[in-house]
Amino acid sequence: MADIAFEKDLSVTETGIEGLKVVDLAVHGDNRGWFKENWQRAKMCALGIPDLRIVQNNISYNDSRGVTRGI
């Protein structure tokens, strides 16, 4: 699988540009594939990211056909 750093923490880094932040998302994975939250309202707002009024958005990748995850 690609060089993805799994099990890291969600983090936000300030930049030198006012209002511009770099968000490093946590990616949870194993040999079947990976899962990440692109947006989770409570977590993002707690880190100072403006509220987009979206509750949550996730994405997952399965390395093989027929893999079941997250049940």
Protein backbone atom coordinates (compact mmCIF):
# COMPACT_ATOMS: atom_id res chain seq x y z
CA MET A 1 0.00 0.00 0.00
CA ALA A 2 1.08 3.63 -0.45
CA ASP A 3 3.26 5.37 2.13
CA ILE A 4 0.46 6.59 4.40
CA ALA A 5 1.21 7.38 8.04
CA PHE A 6 -1.53 5.56 9.96
CA GLU A 7 -2.76 6.28 13.47
CA LYS A 8 -1.45 9.83 13.68
CA ASP A 9 -3.43 12.50 15.51
CA LEU A 10 -5.47 15.23 13.88
CA SER A 11 -3.45 18.45 13.98
CA VAL A 12 -3.68 22.05 12.81
CA THR A 13 -0.65 24.19 12.00
CA GLU A 14 -0.75 27.96 11.69
CA THR A 15 0.92 29.49 8.64
CA GLY A 16 2.42 32.92 8.11
CA ILE A 17 -0.76 33.98 6.28
CA GLU A 18 -3.57 35.27 8.49
CA GLY A 19 -6.49 32.83 8.56
CA LEU A 20 -4.67 30.10 6.59
CA LYS A 21 -4.16 26.86 8.50
CA VAL A 22 -2.81 23.47 7.45
CA VAL A 23 -4.95 20.57 8.68
CA ASP A 24 -3.20 17.20 8.92
CA LEU A 25 -5.93 14.56 9.04
CA ALA A 26 -5.72 11.34 11.02
CA VAL A 27 -5.80 8.24 8.80
CA HIS A 28 -6.73 4.89 10.33
CA GLY A 29 -5.66 1.86 8.34
CA ASP A 30 -4.38 -1.66 8.12
CA ASN A 31 -3.65 -4.20 5.39
CA ARG A 32 -7.28 -3.97 4.14
CA GLY A 33 -7.21 -0.25 3.39
CA TRP A 34 -7.81 2.99 5.28
CA PHE A 35 -10.44 5.36 6.68
CA LYS A 36 -10.30 9.06 7.47
CA GLU A 37 -12.60 11.83 8.61
CA ASN A 38 -12.26 14.74 6.21
CA TRP A 39 -14.46 16.82 8.48
CA GLN A 40 -15.84 16.19 11.95
CA ARG A 41 -17.57 19.34 13.20
CA ALA A 42 -16.88 19.01 16.93
CA LYS A 43 -13.19 18.15 16.47
CA MET A 44 -12.50 20.82 13.84
CA CYS A 45 -14.29 23.61 15.70
CA ALA A 46 -12.42 22.68 18.89
CA LEU A 47 -9.16 23.19 16.97
CA GLY A 48 -10.21 26.67 15.83
CA ILE A 49 -11.35 25.84 12.30
CA PRO A 50 -14.42 27.92 11.30
CA ASP A 51 -17.73 26.05 11.53
CA LEU A 52 -18.82 24.93 8.04
CA ARG A 53 -22.16 23.71 9.47
CA ILE A 54 -21.47 20.26 8.01
CA VAL A 55 -21.62 17.59 10.72
CA GLN A 56 -19.24 14.98 9.30
CA ASN A 57 -17.62 13.78 6.06
CA ASN A 58 -15.62 10.55 5.79
CA ILE A 59 -13.80 8.63 3.08
CA SER A 60 -12.50 5.08 3.01
CA TYR A 61 -10.38 3.01 0.64
CA ASN A 62 -10.44 -0.78 0.39
CA ASP A 63 -7.38 -2.42 -1.12
CA SER A 64 -9.38 -5.46 -2.33
CA ARG A 65 -12.89 -5.97 -3.67
CA GLY A 66 -15.33 -7.38 -1.11
CA VAL A 67 -13.72 -5.90 2.01
CA THR A 68 -16.23 -4.91 4.69
CA ARG A 69 -15.22 -2.23 7.20
CA GLY A 70 -16.83 -0.22 9.96
CA ILE A 71 -19.78 -2.40 10.91
